[in-house]
Amino acid sequence: MPLRIVKEGQIYKPVIVCDQCGGAITDARDGNYHWRSDDAPVGGAEVRFTHKNCCDAFDQLNPDCGAEELDCLLVYLANNLKLDWEAAKSRAALLNSIE
């Protein structure tokens, strides 16, 4: 999974990287996530990411993949983790103020 931590100045932040072009996906509306549907029953499938304009090229190289929009993944993941959005945003704001 191309989830990376990059350093900008004194701040470390997570970035999702496109598996097709290698560039950072900087807007959830411009990204998709992909998984091999035949891998899912056995321990889960690896997740891959693309920019929307890289999706067709990725799909040609990976024809057995399912795909969905990246903003949906964030909601599904937050639900599966039982994430309390307000508490997480407050904690992140506190941590950012300390750094």
C-alpha atoms as a PDB file:
ATOM      1  CA  MET A   1       0.000   0.000   0.000  1.00  0.00           C
ATOM      2  CA  PRO A   2       1.607   3.277  -1.032  1.00  0.00           C
ATOM      3  CA  LEU A   3       0.883   5.185   2.148  1.00  0.00           C
ATOM      4  CA  ARG A   4       3.969   7.215   3.003  1.00  0.00           C
ATOM      5  CA  ILE A   5       5.039   9.678   5.676  1.00  0.00           C
ATOM      6  CA  VAL A   6       6.775  12.737   4.225  1.00  0.00           C
ATOM      7  CA  LYS A   7       8.483  15.593   6.016  1.00  0.00           C
ATOM      8  CA  GLU A   8       7.629  19.166   5.061  1.00  0.00           C
ATOM      9  CA  GLY A   9       9.736  21.565   7.090  1.00  0.00           C
ATOM     10  CA  GLN A  10       9.399  20.285  10.648  1.00  0.00           C
ATOM     11  CA  ILE A  11       6.078  18.508  10.037  1.00  0.00           C
ATOM     12  CA  TYR A  12       5.621  14.836   9.163  1.00  0.00           C
ATOM     13  CA  LYS A  13       2.423  14.015   7.304  1.00  0.00           C
ATOM     14  CA  PRO A  14       0.850  10.991   5.626  1.00  0.00           C
ATOM     15  CA  VAL A  15       0.539  10.955   1.841  1.00  0.00           C
ATOM     16  CA  ILE A  16      -1.158   8.484  -0.512  1.00  0.00           C
ATOM     17  CA  VAL A  17       0.900   7.771  -3.632  1.00  0.00           C
ATOM     18  CA  CYS A  18      -0.543   6.771  -7.009  1.00  0.00           C
ATOM     19  CA  ASP A  19       0.513   3.233  -7.982  1.00  0.00           C
ATOM     20  CA  GLN A  20       0.430   4.170 -11.660  1.00  0.00           C
ATOM     21  CA  CYS A  21       2.397   7.450 -11.876  1.00  0.00           C
ATOM     22  CA  GLY A  22       4.086   7.622  -8.456  1.00  0.00           C
ATOM     23  CA  GLY A  23       2.749  11.097  -7.690  1.00  0.00           C
ATOM     24  CA  ALA A  24       0.997  12.106  -4.476  1.00  0.00           C
ATOM     25  CA  ILE A  25      -2.806  12.131  -4.486  1.00  0.00           C
ATOM     26  CA  THR A  26      -3.510  15.495  -2.901  1.00  0.00           C
ATOM     27  CA  ASP A  27      -7.308  15.592  -3.204  1.00  0.00           C
ATOM     28  CA  ALA A  28      -9.554  12.655  -2.286  1.00  0.00           C
ATOM     29  CA  ARG A  29     -11.916  13.640  -5.100  1.00  0.00           C
ATOM     30  CA  ASP A  30      -9.061  12.953  -7.563  1.00  0.00           C
ATOM     31  CA  GLY A  31      -8.320   9.426  -6.343  1.00  0.00           C
ATOM     32  CA  ASN A  32      -9.504   5.842  -6.546  1.00  0.00           C
ATOM     33  CA  TYR A  33      -8.584   2.728  -4.636  1.00  0.00           C
ATOM     34  CA  HIS A  34      -8.284  -0.698  -6.234  1.00  0.00           C
ATOM     35  CA  TRP A  35      -8.068  -4.291  -5.024  1.00  0.00           C
ATOM     36  CA  ARG A  36      -7.794  -7.657  -6.705  1.00  0.00           C
ATOM     37  CA  SER A  37     -11.198  -9.214  -6.261  1.00  0.00           C
ATOM     38  CA  ASP A  38      -9.842 -12.768  -6.510  1.00  0.00           C
ATOM     39  CA  ASP A  39      -7.514 -12.111  -3.508  1.00  0.00           C
ATOM     40  CA  ALA A  40     -10.237 -10.938  -1.130  1.00  0.00           C
ATOM     41  CA  PRO A  41     -11.446 -14.329   0.202  1.00  0.00           C
ATOM     42  CA  VAL A  42      -7.973 -15.396   1.424  1.00  0.00           C
ATOM     43  CA  GLY A  43      -6.822 -12.987   4.119  1.00  0.00           C
ATOM     44  CA  GLY A  44      -7.829  -9.842   2.288  1.00  0.00           C
ATOM     45  CA  ALA A  45      -6.503  -8.038  -0.738  1.00  0.00           C
ATOM     46  CA  GLU A  46      -3.798  -5.406  -0.990  1.00  0.00           C
ATOM     47  CA  VAL A  47      -5.090  -1.927  -1.692  1.00  0.00           C
ATOM     48  CA  ARG A  48      -3.668   0.136  -4.556  1.00  0.00           C
ATOM     49  CA  PHE A  49      -4.314   3.795  -5.338  1.00  0.00           C
ATOM     50  CA  THR A  50      -4.542   5.875  -8.505  1.00  0.00           C
ATOM     51  CA  HIS A  51      -5.312   9.368  -9.617  1.00  0.00           C
ATOM     52  CA  LYS A  52      -8.543   9.416 -11.598  1.00  0.00           C
ATOM     53  CA  ASN A  53      -6.617  10.210 -14.804  1.00  0.00           C
ATOM     54  CA  CYS A  54      -4.304   7.220 -14.163  1.00  0.00           C
ATOM     55  CA  CYS A  55      -7.161   4.783 -13.531  1.00  0.00           C
ATOM     56  CA  ASP A  56      -7.627   3.525 -17.115  1.00  0.00           C
ATOM     57  CA  ALA A  57      -3.932   2.739 -17.563  1.00  0.00           C
ATOM     58  CA  PHE A  58      -3.866   0.969 -14.186  1.00  0.00           C
ATOM     59  CA  ASP A  59      -6.983  -1.043 -15.072  1.00  0.00           C
ATOM     60  CA  GLN A  60      -5.440  -2.198 -18.364  1.00  0.00           C
ATOM     61  CA  LEU A  61      -2.455  -3.611 -16.439  1.00  0.00           C
ATOM     62  CA  ASN A  62      -4.655  -4.999 -13.629  1.00  0.00           C
ATOM     63  CA  PRO A  63      -7.864  -6.249 -15.272  1.00  0.00           C
ATOM     64  CA  ASP A  64      -9.107  -8.290 -12.291  1.00  0.00           C
ATOM     65  CA  CYS A  65      -9.284  -5.344  -9.890  1.00  0.00           C
ATOM     66  CA  GLY A  66     -12.309  -3.817  -8.281  1.00  0.00           C
ATOM     67  CA  ALA A  67     -12.272  -0.047  -7.799  1.00  0.00           C
ATOM     68  CA  GLU A  68     -14.050   2.666  -5.873  1.00  0.00           C
ATOM     69  CA  GLU A  69     -13.589   6.356  -5.185  1.00  0.00           C
ATOM     70  CA  LEU A  70     -11.001   7.220  -2.549  1.00  0.00           C
ATOM     71  CA  ASP A  71     -13.293   9.361  -0.406  1.00  0.00           C
ATOM     72  CA  CYS A  72     -15.504   6.297   0.157  1.00  0.00           C
ATOM     73  CA  LEU A  73     -12.542   4.281   1.473  1.00  0.00           C
ATOM     74  CA  LEU A  74     -11.949   6.846   4.196  1.00  0.00           C
ATOM     75  CA  VAL A  75     -15.559   6.578   5.381  1.00  0.00           C
ATOM     76  CA  TYR A  76     -15.557   2.757   5.277  1.00  0.00           C
ATOM     77  CA  LEU A  77     -12.256   2.600   7.136  1.00  0.00           C
ATOM     78  CA  ALA A  78     -13.400   5.093   9.792  1.00  0.00           C
ATOM     79  CA  ASN A  79     -16.589   3.074  10.320  1.00  0.00           C
ATOM     80  CA  ASN A  80     -14.693  -0.214  10.597  1.00  0.00           C
ATOM     81  CA  LEU A  81     -12.339   1.372  13.145  1.00  0.00           C
ATOM     82  CA  LYS A  82     -15.280   2.870  15.073  1.00  0.00           C
ATOM     83  CA  LEU A  83     -13.515   6.220  14.752  1.00  0.00           C
ATOM     84  CA  ASP A  84     -14.865   9.135  16.774  1.00  0.00           C
ATOM     85  CA  TRP A  85     -14.225  11.930  14.232  1.00  0.00           C
ATOM     86  CA  GLU A  86     -14.564  14.791  16.715  1.00  0.00           C
ATOM     87  CA  ALA A  87     -12.260  13.193  19.304  1.00  0.00           C
ATOM     88  CA  ALA A  88      -9.695  12.334  16.596  1.00  0.00           C
ATOM     89  CA  LYS A  89      -9.770  15.891  15.182  1.00  0.00           C
ATOM     90  CA  SER A  90      -9.306  17.329  18.692  1.00  0.00           C
ATOM     91  CA  ARG A  91      -6.400  14.980  19.416  1.00  0.00           C
ATOM     92  CA  ALA A  92      -4.737  15.827  16.092  1.00  0.00           C
ATOM     93  CA  ALA A  93      -5.154  19.561  16.766  1.00  0.00           C
ATOM     94  CA  LEU A  94      -3.585  19.129  20.200  1.00  0.00           C
ATOM     95  CA  LEU A  95      -0.650  17.142  18.804  1.00  0.00           C
ATOM     96  CA  ASN A  96      -0.110  19.733  16.054  1.00  0.00           C
ATOM     97  CA  SER A  97      -0.044  22.543  18.621  1.00  0.00           C
ATOM     98  CA  ILE A  98       2.666  20.770  20.648  1.00  0.00           C
ATOM     99  CA  GLU A  99       5.041  20.231  17.713  1.00  0.00           C
END
